[in-house]
């Protein structure tokens, strides 16, 4: 059974590129256009992993991750942030709100697939 990944990214082109890359690698992908939508979708979708942009309208990735970790239905779903901001303080904030990992943009499609596979192995969902 294919692993399911929820991608939360406000920029449509990037969201579609990530989804295409992961689908090509054999993953089932659900897409959300902001953090609020990801928080609403996650309990029903029950993804194996959530890839989430940090800076989004309505609800930042940090706020969305915090809400996901507060909900018993989604608290165990690993969240990985995608961001162009690689400062140590930003990464720390992401990990503090419960993120599993942090992937810096820009990334090559094969790098993204490798990172996702590595993270799923780390959490025992590979």
N, C-alpha and C. Protein backbone atom coordinates (compact mmCIF):
# COMPACT_ATOMS: atom_id res chain seq x y z
N UNK A 1 0.84 -1.19 0.00
CA UNK A 1 0.00 0.00 0.00
C UNK A 1 0.89 1.25 0.00
N UNK A 2 0.57 2.19 -0.86
CA UNK A 2 1.38 3.41 -0.99
C UNK A 2 1.27 4.26 0.28
N UNK A 3 2.38 4.86 0.64
CA UNK A 3 2.40 5.79 1.76
C UNK A 3 1.70 7.07 1.33
N UNK A 4 0.96 7.65 2.27
CA UNK A 4 0.19 8.85 1.99
C UNK A 4 0.88 10.08 2.58
N UNK A 5 1.03 11.11 1.77
CA UNK A 5 1.68 12.34 2.21
C UNK A 5 0.75 13.51 1.95
N UNK A 6 0.60 14.35 2.96
CA UNK A 6 -0.17 15.58 2.84
C UNK A 6 0.82 16.71 2.63
N UNK A 7 0.67 17.45 1.54
CA UNK A 7 1.55 18.57 1.21
C UNK A 7 0.79 19.87 1.43
N UNK A 8 1.29 20.70 2.34
CA UNK A 8 0.68 22.00 2.61
C UNK A 8 1.65 23.08 2.14
N UNK A 9 1.28 23.74 1.05
CA UNK A 9 2.13 24.75 0.41
C UNK A 9 1.22 25.76 -0.26
N UNK A 10 1.42 27.05 0.02
CA UNK A 10 0.52 28.06 -0.53
C UNK A 10 0.81 28.43 -1.98
N UNK A 11 2.03 28.20 -2.45
CA UNK A 11 2.35 28.50 -3.85
C UNK A 11 2.00 27.30 -4.72
N UNK A 12 1.00 27.49 -5.58
CA UNK A 12 0.45 26.37 -6.36
C UNK A 12 1.50 25.65 -7.19
N UNK A 13 2.38 26.38 -7.86
CA UNK A 13 3.40 25.74 -8.70
C UNK A 13 4.31 24.83 -7.88
N UNK A 14 4.72 25.30 -6.72
CA UNK A 14 5.59 24.50 -5.85
C UNK A 14 4.82 23.30 -5.32
N UNK A 15 3.57 23.54 -4.88
CA UNK A 15 2.73 22.45 -4.37
C UNK A 15 2.55 21.36 -5.42
N UNK A 16 2.26 21.78 -6.65
CA UNK A 16 2.05 20.81 -7.73
C UNK A 16 3.34 20.07 -8.08
N UNK A 17 4.48 20.77 -8.06
CA UNK A 17 5.77 20.13 -8.34
C UNK A 17 6.09 19.09 -7.27
N UNK A 18 5.87 19.43 -6.01
CA UNK A 18 6.12 18.48 -4.91
C UNK A 18 5.20 17.27 -5.07
N UNK A 19 3.93 17.53 -5.33
CA UNK A 19 2.96 16.43 -5.48
C UNK A 19 3.35 15.53 -6.65
N UNK A 20 3.69 16.12 -7.78
CA UNK A 20 4.08 15.34 -8.95
C UNK A 20 5.31 14.48 -8.65
N UNK A 21 6.30 15.09 -8.01
CA UNK A 21 7.54 14.39 -7.67
C UNK A 21 7.25 13.18 -6.79
N UNK A 22 6.43 13.39 -5.76
CA UNK A 22 6.14 12.30 -4.82
C UNK A 22 5.24 11.24 -5.45
N UNK A 23 4.29 11.65 -6.28
CA UNK A 23 3.44 10.67 -6.96
C UNK A 23 4.28 9.82 -7.91
N UNK A 24 5.21 10.45 -8.60
CA UNK A 24 6.10 9.74 -9.52
C UNK A 24 6.92 8.70 -8.76
N UNK A 25 7.24 9.00 -7.49
CA UNK A 25 8.02 8.08 -6.65
C UNK A 25 7.14 7.02 -5.99
N UNK A 26 5.83 7.05 -6.27
CA UNK A 26 4.94 6.01 -5.77
C UNK A 26 4.11 6.36 -4.54
N UNK A 27 4.15 7.61 -4.12
CA UNK A 27 3.38 8.02 -2.95
C UNK A 27 1.99 8.50 -3.36
N UNK A 28 1.04 8.35 -2.45
CA UNK A 28 -0.29 8.94 -2.62
C UNK A 28 -0.20 10.33 -1.99
N UNK A 29 -0.66 11.36 -2.71
CA UNK A 29 -0.49 12.73 -2.23
C UNK A 29 -1.83 13.46 -2.14
N UNK A 30 -2.01 14.13 -1.01
CA UNK A 30 -3.14 15.04 -0.81
C UNK A 30 -2.54 16.43 -0.71
N UNK A 31 -3.27 17.45 -1.20
CA UNK A 31 -2.72 18.80 -1.22
C UNK A 31 -3.60 19.77 -0.44
N UNK A 32 -2.94 20.64 0.32
CA UNK A 32 -3.60 21.72 1.04
C UNK A 32 -2.91 23.03 0.64
N UNK A 33 -3.70 24.10 0.52
CA UNK A 33 -3.11 25.36 0.07
C UNK A 33 -2.69 26.29 1.20
N UNK A 34 -2.94 25.88 2.45
CA UNK A 34 -2.48 26.68 3.59
C UNK A 34 -2.51 25.81 4.85
N UNK A 35 -1.98 26.36 5.93
CA UNK A 35 -1.90 25.61 7.18
C UNK A 35 -3.26 25.26 7.76
N UNK A 36 -4.19 26.19 7.66
CA UNK A 36 -5.54 25.96 8.18
C UNK A 36 -6.19 24.77 7.48
N UNK A 37 -6.07 24.72 6.16
CA UNK A 37 -6.64 23.62 5.39
C UNK A 37 -5.97 22.29 5.75
N UNK A 38 -4.66 22.32 5.98
CA UNK A 38 -3.95 21.10 6.37
C UNK A 38 -4.45 20.58 7.71
N UNK A 39 -4.68 21.48 8.66
CA UNK A 39 -5.19 21.09 9.98
C UNK A 39 -6.58 20.47 9.84
N UNK A 40 -7.39 21.02 8.95
CA UNK A 40 -8.75 20.49 8.74
C UNK A 40 -8.71 19.13 8.04
N UNK A 41 -7.81 18.95 7.08
CA UNK A 41 -7.75 17.72 6.28
C UNK A 41 -7.11 16.55 7.01
N UNK A 42 -6.10 16.81 7.81
CA UNK A 42 -5.27 15.74 8.39
C UNK A 42 -6.05 14.67 9.15
N UNK A 43 -7.05 15.01 9.99
CA UNK A 43 -7.75 13.94 10.71
C UNK A 43 -8.45 12.95 9.78
N UNK A 44 -8.98 13.43 8.67
CA UNK A 44 -9.68 12.55 7.72
C UNK A 44 -8.70 11.80 6.83
N UNK A 45 -7.67 12.49 6.36
CA UNK A 45 -6.70 11.90 5.44
C UNK A 45 -5.81 10.88 6.16
N UNK A 46 -5.43 11.18 7.39
CA UNK A 46 -4.51 10.34 8.18
C UNK A 46 -3.25 9.99 7.37
N UNK A 47 -2.50 11.02 6.95
CA UNK A 47 -1.30 10.77 6.17
C UNK A 47 -0.19 10.13 7.01
N UNK A 48 0.75 9.50 6.34
CA UNK A 48 1.92 8.94 7.02
C UNK A 48 2.92 10.04 7.34
N UNK A 49 2.82 11.16 6.59
CA UNK A 49 3.75 12.27 6.74
C UNK A 49 3.09 13.54 6.22
N UNK A 50 3.39 14.67 6.85
CA UNK A 50 2.91 15.97 6.37
C UNK A 50 4.13 16.80 6.02
N UNK A 51 4.20 17.28 4.79
CA UNK A 51 5.22 18.23 4.36
C UNK A 51 4.56 19.60 4.36
N UNK A 52 5.12 20.54 5.11
CA UNK A 52 4.43 21.82 5.28
C UNK A 52 5.38 23.00 5.14
N UNK A 53 4.96 23.94 4.31
CA UNK A 53 5.68 25.20 4.18
C UNK A 53 5.57 25.94 5.51
N UNK A 54 6.54 26.77 5.82
CA UNK A 54 6.51 27.53 7.06
C UNK A 54 5.65 28.78 6.91
N UNK A 55 5.90 29.54 5.86
CA UNK A 55 5.21 30.83 5.68
C UNK A 55 4.02 30.65 4.73
N UNK A 56 2.83 30.68 5.33
CA UNK A 56 1.60 30.54 4.55
C UNK A 56 0.55 31.50 5.11
N UNK A 57 -0.42 31.88 4.27
CA UNK A 57 -1.51 32.73 4.76
C UNK A 57 -2.46 31.95 5.66
N UNK A 58 -3.29 32.65 6.39
CA UNK A 58 -4.30 32.10 7.30
C UNK A 58 -3.71 31.48 8.54
N UNK A 59 -2.72 30.60 8.37
CA UNK A 59 -2.08 29.95 9.51
C UNK A 59 -0.69 29.52 9.08
N UNK A 60 0.32 29.95 9.82
CA UNK A 60 1.69 29.57 9.45
C UNK A 60 1.88 28.07 9.67
N UNK A 61 2.95 27.56 9.11
CA UNK A 61 3.27 26.15 9.32
C UNK A 61 3.50 25.85 10.80
N UNK A 62 4.13 26.78 11.50
CA UNK A 62 4.36 26.58 12.94
C UNK A 62 3.05 26.47 13.70
N UNK A 63 2.12 27.38 13.41
CA UNK A 63 0.80 27.35 14.08
C UNK A 63 0.05 26.06 13.74
N UNK A 64 0.12 25.67 12.48
CA UNK A 64 -0.58 24.46 12.05
C UNK A 64 0.02 23.23 12.73
N UNK A 65 1.34 23.16 12.80
CA UNK A 65 2.00 22.02 13.43
C UNK A 65 1.59 21.94 14.91
N UNK A 66 1.56 23.08 15.57
CA UNK A 66 1.18 23.11 16.98
C UNK A 66 -0.24 22.57 17.17
N UNK A 67 -1.16 22.99 16.29
CA UNK A 67 -2.54 22.51 16.37
C UNK A 67 -2.63 21.01 16.09
N UNK A 68 -1.88 20.54 15.11
CA UNK A 68 -1.88 19.11 14.79
C UNK A 68 -1.38 18.29 15.98
N UNK A 69 -0.37 18.79 16.67
CA UNK A 69 0.21 18.06 17.80
C UNK A 69 -0.70 18.10 19.03
N UNK A 70 -1.63 19.06 19.07
CA UNK A 70 -2.59 19.17 20.18
C UNK A 70 -3.81 18.26 19.98
N UNK A 71 -4.02 17.78 18.77
CA UNK A 71 -5.19 16.97 18.44
C UNK A 71 -4.83 15.48 18.55
N UNK A 72 -5.55 14.72 19.40
CA UNK A 72 -5.25 13.29 19.55
C UNK A 72 -5.32 12.51 18.23
N UNK A 73 -6.11 12.99 17.27
CA UNK A 73 -6.24 12.28 15.98
C UNK A 73 -5.03 12.50 15.07
N UNK A 74 -4.27 13.56 15.34
CA UNK A 74 -3.15 13.89 14.45
C UNK A 74 -1.81 14.05 15.18
N UNK A 75 -1.79 13.89 16.48
CA UNK A 75 -0.58 14.18 17.25
C UNK A 75 0.61 13.30 16.87
N UNK A 76 0.36 12.11 16.36
CA UNK A 76 1.46 11.20 16.01
C UNK A 76 1.86 11.24 14.55
N UNK A 77 1.23 12.11 13.77
CA UNK A 77 1.61 12.24 12.35
C UNK A 77 2.85 13.13 12.28
N UNK A 78 3.94 12.62 11.73
CA UNK A 78 5.15 13.44 11.64
C UNK A 78 4.98 14.60 10.66
N UNK A 79 5.48 15.77 11.06
CA UNK A 79 5.43 16.98 10.24
C UNK A 79 6.86 17.35 9.88
N UNK A 80 7.09 17.63 8.59
CA UNK A 80 8.39 18.08 8.12
C UNK A 80 8.18 19.44 7.46
N UNK A 81 8.94 20.42 7.92
CA UNK A 81 8.81 21.76 7.34
C UNK A 81 9.64 21.91 6.08
N UNK A 82 9.09 22.66 5.14
CA UNK A 82 9.78 23.05 3.92
C UNK A 82 9.95 24.56 4.01
N UNK A 83 11.17 25.06 3.89
CA UNK A 83 11.34 26.50 3.99
C UNK A 83 12.63 26.95 3.32
N UNK A 84 12.59 28.16 2.82
CA UNK A 84 13.78 28.78 2.26
C UNK A 84 14.59 29.43 3.38
N UNK A 85 14.00 29.57 4.55
CA UNK A 85 14.66 30.19 5.70
C UNK A 85 15.41 29.12 6.48
N UNK A 86 16.73 29.16 6.41
CA UNK A 86 17.50 28.11 7.06
C UNK A 86 18.22 28.56 8.31
N UNK A 87 17.83 29.71 8.88
CA UNK A 87 18.48 30.16 10.10
C UNK A 87 18.23 29.17 11.23
N UNK A 88 19.24 29.03 12.08
CA UNK A 88 19.15 28.10 13.20
C UNK A 88 17.92 28.37 14.06
N UNK A 89 17.58 29.65 14.28
CA UNK A 89 16.42 30.00 15.13
C UNK A 89 15.12 29.51 14.50
N UNK A 90 15.02 29.59 13.18
CA UNK A 90 13.81 29.12 12.49
C UNK A 90 13.68 27.60 12.60
N UNK A 91 14.79 26.91 12.41
CA UNK A 91 14.78 25.45 12.49
C UNK A 91 14.43 25.03 13.92
N UNK A 92 15.03 25.71 14.91
CA UNK A 92 14.73 25.41 16.31
C UNK A 92 13.25 25.60 16.61
N UNK A 93 12.68 26.71 16.11
CA UNK A 93 11.25 26.97 16.36
C UNK A 93 10.40 25.84 15.77
N UNK A 94 10.75 25.40 14.58
CA UNK A 94 10.02 24.31 13.95
C UNK A 94 10.09 23.03 14.76
N UNK A 95 11.27 22.70 15.25
CA UNK A 95 11.43 21.49 16.06
C UNK A 95 10.73 21.64 17.40
N UNK A 96 10.73 22.87 17.95
CA UNK A 96 10.07 23.13 19.24
C UNK A 96 8.56 22.91 19.17
N UNK A 97 7.94 23.20 18.02
CA UNK A 97 6.48 23.01 17.92
C UNK A 97 6.12 21.58 17.51
N UNK A 98 7.14 20.73 17.35
CA UNK A 98 6.86 19.32 17.14
C UNK A 98 7.23 18.74 15.79
N UNK A 99 7.95 19.50 14.97
CA UNK A 99 8.33 18.98 13.66
C UNK A 99 9.36 17.86 13.79
N UNK A 100 9.28 16.93 12.88
CA UNK A 100 10.21 15.80 12.80
C UNK A 100 11.53 16.23 12.17
N UNK A 101 11.43 17.11 11.17
CA UNK A 101 12.61 17.49 10.40
C UNK A 101 12.34 18.79 9.66
N UNK A 102 13.34 19.24 8.92
CA UNK A 102 13.28 20.52 8.22
C UNK A 102 14.00 20.34 6.90
N UNK A 103 13.33 20.59 5.78
CA UNK A 103 13.95 20.49 4.46
C UNK A 103 14.04 21.90 3.88
N UNK A 104 15.24 22.28 3.47
CA UNK A 104 15.44 23.62 2.95
C UNK A 104 15.16 23.70 1.45
N UNK A 105 14.47 24.78 1.06
CA UNK A 105 14.23 25.07 -0.35
C UNK A 105 15.39 25.93 -0.83
N UNK A 106 15.74 25.90 -2.08
CA UNK A 106 15.21 25.00 -3.10
C UNK A 106 15.84 23.62 -2.97
N UNK A 107 15.15 22.64 -3.47
CA UNK A 107 15.66 21.27 -3.46
C UNK A 107 15.36 20.64 -4.81
N UNK A 108 16.21 19.72 -5.21
CA UNK A 108 15.99 18.97 -6.44
C UNK A 108 14.94 17.90 -6.15
N UNK A 109 14.12 17.54 -7.15
CA UNK A 109 13.09 16.52 -6.92
C UNK A 109 13.63 15.21 -6.34
N UNK A 110 14.78 14.74 -6.86
CA UNK A 110 15.32 13.48 -6.33
C UNK A 110 15.79 13.63 -4.88
N UNK A 111 16.27 14.83 -4.51
CA UNK A 111 16.66 15.10 -3.12
C UNK A 111 15.44 15.02 -2.21
N UNK A 112 14.33 15.59 -2.66
CA UNK A 112 13.10 15.56 -1.86
C UNK A 112 12.66 14.12 -1.63
N UNK A 113 12.65 13.33 -2.68
CA UNK A 113 12.24 11.93 -2.57
C UNK A 113 13.16 11.18 -1.60
N UNK A 114 14.46 11.41 -1.70
CA UNK A 114 15.42 10.76 -0.81
C UNK A 114 15.18 11.16 0.64
N UNK A 115 14.93 12.46 0.87
CA UNK A 115 14.68 12.96 2.23
C UNK A 115 13.41 12.32 2.80
N UNK A 116 12.35 12.27 2.00
CA UNK A 116 11.09 11.69 2.45
C UNK A 116 11.29 10.21 2.80
N UNK A 117 11.99 9.48 1.95
CA UNK A 117 12.25 8.06 2.21
C UNK A 117 13.06 7.88 3.49
N UNK A 118 14.06 8.73 3.70
CA UNK A 118 14.89 8.66 4.91
C UNK A 118 14.04 8.92 6.15
N UNK A 119 13.20 9.95 6.09
CA UNK A 119 12.36 10.30 7.25
C UNK A 119 11.36 9.19 7.56
N UNK A 120 10.74 8.63 6.53
CA UNK A 120 9.79 7.53 6.75
C UNK A 120 10.49 6.32 7.36
N UNK A 121 11.73 6.06 6.97
CA UNK A 121 12.49 4.96 7.57
C UNK A 121 12.78 5.25 9.04
N UNK A 122 13.17 6.51 9.33
CA UNK A 122 13.49 6.91 10.70
C UNK A 122 12.31 6.72 11.65
N UNK A 123 11.12 6.98 11.14
CA UNK A 123 9.93 6.89 12.00
C UNK A 123 9.26 5.52 11.92
N UNK A 124 9.89 4.60 11.18
CA UNK A 124 9.38 3.24 11.09
C UNK A 124 8.16 3.08 10.20
N UNK A 125 8.00 3.97 9.21
CA UNK A 125 6.85 3.87 8.31
C UNK A 125 7.26 3.57 6.88
N UNK A 126 8.51 3.16 6.70
CA UNK A 126 8.98 2.87 5.34
C UNK A 126 8.60 1.48 4.90
